[in-house]
Amino acid sequence: MASFLSSLLSMFSGPKSETAPAREAEPQMHAECRIYPAPIKEGSQFRLAGRIEKEVAGETLVRTFVRADMFTSAEDASEYAVRKAQQIIDQNGASLFSDGAVSRSA
């Protein structure tokens, strides 16, 4: 009976959003940066998201990004996250990490 009520309540609680994938993907390298795709599950879809890391003077600097693009599979979202990160790196060049902030949004 309790599981029935739990199921019934979950139907009306709305879509859940997860901020992290079930397992972290292997990083892709691009222009001395590591790209980690990290799609965000929203309902039955996945939002394009990821992070870019670079070692600067012995310290790891991190730039995260989340975009409005939605995909029906985590694999598609991950693939496009890598492409978007490469575009961010190519467009910003050295200025992406020039402020020296350890972590910020890109």
N, C-alpha and C. Protein backbone atom coordinates (compact mmCIF):
# COMPACT_ATOMS: atom_id res chain seq x y z
N MET A 1 0.82 -1.19 0.00
CA MET A 1 0.00 0.00 0.00
C MET A 1 0.86 1.25 0.00
N ALA A 2 1.95 1.25 0.78
CA ALA A 2 2.82 2.42 0.86
C ALA A 2 3.49 2.68 -0.49
N SER A 3 3.89 1.63 -1.19
CA SER A 3 4.54 1.82 -2.49
C SER A 3 3.55 2.38 -3.52
N PHE A 4 2.28 1.99 -3.40
CA PHE A 4 1.26 2.53 -4.29
C PHE A 4 1.10 4.03 -4.06
N LEU A 5 1.03 4.43 -2.80
CA LEU A 5 0.90 5.86 -2.49
C LEU A 5 2.14 6.64 -2.93
N SER A 6 3.30 6.04 -2.73
CA SER A 6 4.54 6.68 -3.16
C SER A 6 4.55 6.88 -4.67
N SER A 7 4.12 5.87 -5.41
CA SER A 7 4.04 5.98 -6.87
C SER A 7 3.04 7.04 -7.29
N LEU A 8 1.92 7.07 -6.60
CA LEU A 8 0.88 8.04 -6.92
C LEU A 8 1.38 9.47 -6.67
N LEU A 9 2.06 9.68 -5.56
CA LEU A 9 2.60 11.00 -5.24
C LEU A 9 3.67 11.43 -6.24
N SER A 10 4.51 10.49 -6.67
CA SER A 10 5.58 10.84 -7.61
C SER A 10 5.02 11.24 -8.97
N MET A 11 3.83 10.73 -9.32
CA MET A 11 3.22 11.10 -10.60
C MET A 11 2.84 12.57 -10.62
N PHE A 12 2.46 13.11 -9.47
CA PHE A 12 1.98 14.49 -9.40
C PHE A 12 3.03 15.48 -8.92
N SER A 13 4.21 15.02 -8.61
CA SER A 13 5.24 15.92 -8.09
C SER A 13 5.98 16.66 -9.18
N GLY A 14 5.76 16.33 -10.46
CA GLY A 14 6.39 17.04 -11.57
C GLY A 14 7.73 16.44 -11.92
N PRO A 15 8.33 16.95 -13.01
CA PRO A 15 9.60 16.41 -13.46
C PRO A 15 10.73 16.74 -12.50
N LYS A 16 11.63 15.82 -12.38
CA LYS A 16 12.80 16.01 -11.53
C LYS A 16 13.97 16.44 -12.41
N SER A 17 14.84 17.25 -11.85
CA SER A 17 16.02 17.70 -12.56
C SER A 17 17.24 17.17 -11.84
N GLU A 18 18.15 16.56 -12.59
CA GLU A 18 19.39 16.04 -12.02
C GLU A 18 20.52 16.92 -12.53
N THR A 19 21.43 17.29 -11.65
CA THR A 19 22.50 18.18 -12.05
C THR A 19 23.76 17.45 -12.48
N ALA A 20 23.80 16.15 -12.32
CA ALA A 20 25.00 15.42 -12.70
C ALA A 20 24.63 14.13 -13.43
N PRO A 21 25.44 13.73 -14.39
CA PRO A 21 25.17 12.47 -15.06
C PRO A 21 25.44 11.29 -14.13
N ALA A 22 24.93 10.11 -14.51
CA ALA A 22 25.11 8.92 -13.68
C ALA A 22 26.60 8.60 -13.50
N ARG A 23 27.38 8.78 -14.53
CA ARG A 23 28.83 8.57 -14.43
C ARG A 23 29.52 9.65 -15.26
N GLU A 24 30.70 10.03 -14.85
CA GLU A 24 31.40 11.08 -15.55
C GLU A 24 32.04 10.54 -16.82
N ALA A 25 31.89 11.27 -17.90
CA ALA A 25 32.46 10.87 -19.19
C ALA A 25 33.96 11.09 -19.19
N GLU A 26 34.64 10.38 -20.05
CA GLU A 26 36.08 10.58 -20.23
C GLU A 26 36.31 11.96 -20.84
N PRO A 27 37.34 12.67 -20.40
CA PRO A 27 37.58 14.00 -20.96
C PRO A 27 38.09 13.92 -22.40
N GLN A 28 37.75 14.92 -23.18
CA GLN A 28 38.26 15.09 -24.53
C GLN A 28 39.28 16.24 -24.46
N MET A 29 40.37 16.14 -25.17
CA MET A 29 41.38 17.20 -25.18
C MET A 29 41.18 18.10 -26.39
N HIS A 30 41.33 19.41 -26.16
CA HIS A 30 41.26 20.38 -27.24
C HIS A 30 42.03 21.62 -26.79
N ALA A 31 43.04 21.99 -27.57
CA ALA A 31 43.85 23.19 -27.29
C ALA A 31 44.33 23.24 -25.84
N GLU A 32 44.93 22.16 -25.37
CA GLU A 32 45.48 22.05 -24.02
C GLU A 32 44.42 22.13 -22.92
N CYS A 33 43.16 21.94 -23.27
CA CYS A 33 42.06 21.95 -22.30
C CYS A 33 41.41 20.57 -22.27
N ARG A 34 40.89 20.22 -21.10
CA ARG A 34 40.11 18.99 -20.95
C ARG A 34 38.63 19.37 -20.98
N ILE A 35 37.87 18.68 -21.81
CA ILE A 35 36.44 18.93 -21.93
C ILE A 35 35.69 17.75 -21.32
N TYR A 36 34.81 18.05 -20.38
CA TYR A 36 33.98 17.04 -19.74
C TYR A 36 32.52 17.33 -20.06
N PRO A 37 31.88 16.51 -20.91
CA PRO A 37 30.45 16.70 -21.13
C PRO A 37 29.68 16.30 -19.87
N ALA A 38 28.66 17.06 -19.49
CA ALA A 38 27.89 16.76 -18.28
C ALA A 38 26.42 17.12 -18.51
N PRO A 39 25.74 16.38 -19.40
CA PRO A 39 24.34 16.70 -19.67
C PRO A 39 23.49 16.64 -18.41
N ILE A 40 22.50 17.52 -18.33
CA ILE A 40 21.62 17.59 -17.18
C ILE A 40 20.27 16.99 -17.56
N LYS A 41 19.84 15.97 -16.82
CA LYS A 41 18.56 15.33 -17.11
C LYS A 41 17.43 16.23 -16.61
N GLU A 42 16.50 16.54 -17.50
CA GLU A 42 15.32 17.31 -17.15
C GLU A 42 14.11 16.60 -17.74
N GLY A 43 13.37 15.92 -16.89
CA GLY A 43 12.25 15.12 -17.37
C GLY A 43 12.78 13.98 -18.21
N SER A 44 12.30 13.89 -19.46
CA SER A 44 12.75 12.82 -20.35
C SER A 44 13.82 13.30 -21.32
N GLN A 45 14.31 14.53 -21.13
CA GLN A 45 15.31 15.09 -22.03
C GLN A 45 16.58 15.45 -21.27
N PHE A 46 17.61 15.83 -22.03
CA PHE A 46 18.90 16.20 -21.45
C PHE A 46 19.33 17.56 -21.97
N ARG A 47 19.71 18.45 -21.04
CA ARG A 47 20.18 19.78 -21.39
C ARG A 47 21.68 19.74 -21.65
N LEU A 48 22.12 20.47 -22.66
CA LEU A 48 23.53 20.54 -23.01
C LEU A 48 24.29 21.28 -21.91
N ALA A 49 25.30 20.63 -21.34
CA ALA A 49 26.11 21.23 -20.28
C ALA A 49 27.45 20.52 -20.22
N GLY A 50 28.42 21.19 -19.62
CA GLY A 50 29.74 20.58 -19.47
C GLY A 50 30.68 21.52 -18.75
N ARG A 51 31.94 21.11 -18.71
CA ARG A 51 32.96 21.96 -18.11
C ARG A 51 34.26 21.83 -18.89
N ILE A 52 35.03 22.89 -18.81
CA ILE A 52 36.33 22.96 -19.48
C ILE A 52 37.36 23.19 -18.38
N GLU A 53 38.42 22.40 -18.38
CA GLU A 53 39.49 22.54 -17.39
C GLU A 53 40.82 22.75 -18.08
N LYS A 54 41.66 23.55 -17.42
CA LYS A 54 43.01 23.77 -17.94
C LYS A 54 43.95 23.97 -16.76
N GLU A 55 45.13 23.37 -16.87
CA GLU A 55 46.17 23.55 -15.86
C GLU A 55 46.92 24.83 -16.17
N VAL A 56 46.93 25.77 -15.21
CA VAL A 56 47.65 27.03 -15.36
C VAL A 56 48.48 27.23 -14.10
N ALA A 57 49.77 27.28 -14.25
CA ALA A 57 50.71 27.48 -13.14
C ALA A 57 50.45 26.49 -12.01
N GLY A 58 50.24 25.23 -12.35
CA GLY A 58 50.05 24.19 -11.36
C GLY A 58 48.67 24.15 -10.73
N GLU A 59 47.76 24.98 -11.19
CA GLU A 59 46.41 25.03 -10.64
C GLU A 59 45.40 24.70 -11.74
N THR A 60 44.37 23.93 -11.39
CA THR A 60 43.33 23.58 -12.35
C THR A 60 42.25 24.65 -12.35
N LEU A 61 42.08 25.33 -13.49
CA LEU A 61 41.03 26.33 -13.65
C LEU A 61 39.86 25.68 -14.36
N VAL A 62 38.64 25.98 -13.92
CA VAL A 62 37.43 25.32 -14.43
C VAL A 62 36.45 26.37 -14.95
N ARG A 63 35.91 26.10 -16.13
CA ARG A 63 34.86 26.92 -16.72
C ARG A 63 33.68 26.01 -17.03
N THR A 64 32.54 26.27 -16.43
CA THR A 64 31.35 25.46 -16.68
C THR A 64 30.43 26.19 -17.65
N PHE A 65 29.61 25.43 -18.36
CA PHE A 65 28.64 26.04 -19.26
C PHE A 65 27.36 25.20 -19.29
N VAL A 66 26.24 25.89 -19.41
CA VAL A 66 24.93 25.27 -19.56
C VAL A 66 24.23 26.05 -20.66
N ARG A 67 23.67 25.35 -21.61
CA ARG A 67 22.98 25.99 -22.73
C ARG A 67 21.52 25.55 -22.77
N ALA A 68 20.72 26.23 -23.53
CA ALA A 68 19.29 25.96 -23.62
C ALA A 68 18.97 24.73 -24.46
N ASP A 69 19.90 24.25 -25.25
CA ASP A 69 19.66 23.12 -26.15
C ASP A 69 19.26 21.87 -25.37
N MET A 70 18.21 21.20 -25.85
CA MET A 70 17.72 19.97 -25.23
C MET A 70 17.82 18.81 -26.23
N PHE A 71 18.12 17.61 -25.71
CA PHE A 71 18.29 16.42 -26.54
C PHE A 71 17.51 15.27 -25.93
N THR A 72 17.15 14.30 -26.77
CA THR A 72 16.39 13.16 -26.28
C THR A 72 17.28 12.07 -25.68
N SER A 73 18.59 12.13 -25.94
CA SER A 73 19.48 11.13 -25.35
C SER A 73 20.70 11.81 -24.73
N ALA A 74 21.22 11.19 -23.69
CA ALA A 74 22.41 11.70 -23.01
C ALA A 74 23.62 11.66 -23.95
N GLU A 75 23.67 10.65 -24.82
CA GLU A 75 24.79 10.53 -25.75
C GLU A 75 24.83 11.71 -26.72
N ASP A 76 23.66 12.10 -27.26
CA ASP A 76 23.61 13.25 -28.16
C ASP A 76 24.00 14.53 -27.43
N ALA A 77 23.48 14.70 -26.22
CA ALA A 77 23.81 15.89 -25.43
C ALA A 77 25.30 15.95 -25.14
N SER A 78 25.91 14.81 -24.85
CA SER A 78 27.35 14.77 -24.57
C SER A 78 28.16 15.11 -25.82
N GLU A 79 27.76 14.56 -26.95
CA GLU A 79 28.45 14.84 -28.21
C GLU A 79 28.42 16.33 -28.54
N TYR A 80 27.26 16.95 -28.41
CA TYR A 80 27.14 18.36 -28.71
C TYR A 80 27.80 19.24 -27.65
N ALA A 81 27.88 18.76 -26.41
CA ALA A 81 28.59 19.49 -25.36
C ALA A 81 30.07 19.62 -25.70
N VAL A 82 30.65 18.55 -26.23
CA VAL A 82 32.06 18.59 -26.63
C VAL A 82 32.23 19.61 -27.76
N ARG A 83 31.34 19.57 -28.75
CA ARG A 83 31.43 20.53 -29.86
C ARG A 83 31.29 21.97 -29.36
N LYS A 84 30.34 22.21 -28.44
CA LYS A 84 30.13 23.56 -27.90
C LYS A 84 31.36 24.01 -27.11
N ALA A 85 31.94 23.11 -26.33
CA ALA A 85 33.14 23.46 -25.56
C ALA A 85 34.29 23.81 -26.49
N GLN A 86 34.46 23.06 -27.58
CA GLN A 86 35.51 23.38 -28.55
C GLN A 86 35.27 24.76 -29.15
N GLN A 87 34.02 25.08 -29.44
CA GLN A 87 33.68 26.40 -29.98
C GLN A 87 33.99 27.50 -28.96
N ILE A 88 33.64 27.28 -27.69
CA ILE A 88 33.93 28.25 -26.64
C ILE A 88 35.43 28.48 -26.53
N ILE A 89 36.21 27.41 -26.55
CA ILE A 89 37.67 27.52 -26.47
C ILE A 89 38.22 28.27 -27.67
N ASP A 90 37.78 27.92 -28.86
CA ASP A 90 38.28 28.56 -30.08
C ASP A 90 37.91 30.04 -30.15
N GLN A 91 36.70 30.38 -29.73
CA GLN A 91 36.25 31.77 -29.81
C GLN A 91 36.90 32.66 -28.75
N ASN A 92 37.13 32.12 -27.56
CA ASN A 92 37.67 32.92 -26.47
C ASN A 92 39.19 32.90 -26.39
N GLY A 93 39.79 31.85 -26.88
CA GLY A 93 41.25 31.74 -26.85
C GLY A 93 41.79 31.85 -25.44
N ALA A 94 42.89 32.56 -25.30
CA ALA A 94 43.56 32.70 -24.01
C ALA A 94 42.73 33.46 -22.98
N SER A 95 41.80 34.30 -23.44
CA SER A 95 41.00 35.09 -22.50
C SER A 95 40.05 34.24 -21.67
N LEU A 96 39.79 33.01 -22.09
CA LEU A 96 38.90 32.14 -21.34
C LEU A 96 39.42 31.91 -19.92
N PHE A 97 40.72 31.84 -19.75
CA PHE A 97 41.32 31.58 -18.45
C PHE A 97 42.20 32.75 -17.96
N SER A 98 42.19 33.86 -18.66
CA SER A 98 43.11 34.96 -18.34
C SER A 98 42.80 35.68 -17.03
N ASP A 99 41.56 35.59 -16.53
CA ASP A 99 41.23 36.28 -15.29
C ASP A 99 41.77 35.56 -14.06
N GLY A 100 42.22 34.31 -14.22
CA GLY A 100 42.81 33.56 -13.12
C GLY A 100 41.82 33.01 -12.12
N ALA A 101 40.51 33.23 -12.33
CA ALA A 101 39.50 32.68 -11.42
C ALA A 101 39.56 31.16 -11.45
N VAL A 102 39.51 30.55 -10.29
CA VAL A 102 39.60 29.10 -10.21
C VAL A 102 38.39 28.46 -10.89
N SER A 103 37.21 29.04 -10.68
CA SER A 103 36.00 28.46 -11.27
C SER A 103 35.00 29.57 -11.59
N ARG A 104 34.38 29.47 -12.77
CA ARG A 104 33.33 30.40 -13.16
C ARG A 104 32.60 29.83 -14.36
N SER A 105 31.48 30.46 -14.69
CA SER A 105 30.73 30.05 -15.89
C SER A 105 31.34 30.66 -17.13
N ALA A 106 31.27 29.90 -18.21
CA ALA A 106 31.80 30.40 -19.48
C ALA A 106 30.68 30.94 -20.34
